[in-house]
Amino acid sequence: MGKNNLEEYRNSITVHLVRICSDVEHIKDKVNKNNEHLERINGRLRTAENNITGIKSIGITLYAIIGVVLGWLGIKQ
């Protein structure tokens, strides 16, 4: 390999490394944005799950009260 070929090879490698570094930075930015988005979605999901749990608790309580009332009415008759 001549001196010119070696310099060309080094320059080529340098250009490729610069491109790779640029791509890695771009990927890193996208991953960070995706993580932020997922954190927001998880917060909303957690709120929705808590709301569903509350609604289920109210439903179970109403079901129990209605069952007790109907049972009490059945015993009285």
Protein backbone atom coordinates (compact mmCIF):
# COMPACT_ATOMS: atom_id res chain seq x y z
CA MET A 1 0.00 0.00 0.00
CA GLY A 2 1.42 3.37 -0.99
CA LYS A 3 1.41 6.47 1.14
CA ASN A 4 -1.48 8.00 -0.86
CA ASN A 5 -3.57 4.83 -0.52
CA LEU A 6 -2.94 4.75 3.22
CA GLU A 7 -4.03 8.41 3.59
CA GLU A 8 -7.15 7.74 1.51
CA TYR A 9 -7.95 4.74 3.67
CA ARG A 10 -7.50 6.78 6.87
CA ASN A 11 -9.67 9.57 5.52
CA SER A 12 -12.31 7.05 4.48
CA ILE A 13 -12.29 5.48 7.95
CA THR A 14 -12.53 8.94 9.55
CA VAL A 15 -15.53 9.84 7.37
CA HIS A 16 -17.25 6.57 8.26
CA LEU A 17 -16.61 7.11 11.98
CA VAL A 18 -18.05 10.62 11.79
CA ARG A 19 -21.18 9.26 10.08
CA ILE A 20 -21.51 6.51 12.68
CA CYS A 21 -21.15 9.01 15.53
CA SER A 22 -23.80 11.21 13.96
CA ASP A 23 -26.15 8.25 13.54
CA VAL A 24 -25.56 7.15 17.14
CA GLU A 25 -26.41 10.65 18.42
CA HIS A 26 -29.58 10.69 16.32
CA ILE A 27 -30.60 7.25 17.62
CA LYS A 28 -29.84 8.32 21.18
CA ASP A 29 -32.07 11.40 20.82
CA LYS A 30 -34.91 9.30 19.40
CA VAL A 31 -34.63 6.72 22.20
CA ASN A 32 -34.69 9.47 24.84
CA LYS A 33 -37.80 11.00 23.24
CA ASN A 34 -39.47 7.57 23.16
CA ASN A 35 -38.64 7.05 26.85
CA GLU A 36 -40.19 10.41 27.76
CA HIS A 37 -43.30 9.54 25.74
CA LEU A 38 -43.59 6.13 27.43
CA GLU A 39 -43.31 7.75 30.86
CA ARG A 40 -46.22 10.06 30.01
CA ILE A 41 -48.28 7.13 28.71
CA ASN A 42 -47.50 5.08 31.82
CA GLY A 43 -48.70 7.97 33.99
CA ARG A 44 -52.00 8.15 32.14
CA LEU A 45 -52.35 4.37 32.24
CA ARG A 46 -51.71 4.33 35.99
CA THR A 47 -54.44 6.96 36.46
CA ALA A 48 -56.87 4.95 34.34
CA GLU A 49 -56.11 1.76 36.28
CA ASN A 50 -56.73 3.57 39.57
CA ASN A 51 -60.05 4.88 38.23
CA ILE A 52 -61.09 1.39 37.14
CA THR A 53 -60.18 0.02 40.57
CA GLY A 54 -62.32 2.70 42.19
CA ILE A 55 -65.28 1.94 39.93
CA LYS A 56 -64.94 -1.79 40.65
CA SER A 57 -64.86 -1.09 44.39
CA ILE A 58 -68.03 0.98 44.17
CA GLY A 59 -69.71 -1.76 42.09
CA ILE A 60 -68.77 -4.48 44.57
CA THR A 61 -70.02 -2.36 47.46
CA LEU A 62 -73.34 -1.67 45.72
CA TYR A 63 -73.70 -5.34 44.83
CA ALA A 64 -73.14 -6.31 48.47
CA ILE A 65 -75.62 -3.70 49.75
CA ILE A 66 -78.29 -4.78 47.27
CA GLY A 67 -77.68 -8.42 48.19
CA VAL A 68 -78.06 -7.67 51.88
CA VAL A 69 -81.24 -5.64 51.29
CA LEU A 70 -82.76 -8.34 49.08
CA GLY A 71 -81.77 -10.99 51.60
CA TRP A 72 -83.32 -8.98 54.41
CA LEU A 73 -86.53 -8.51 52.38
CA GLY A 74 -86.62 -12.24 51.63
CA ILE A 75 -86.31 -13.16 55.31
CA LYS A 76 -89.07 -10.74 56.33
CA GLN A 77 -91.62 -12.23 53.99
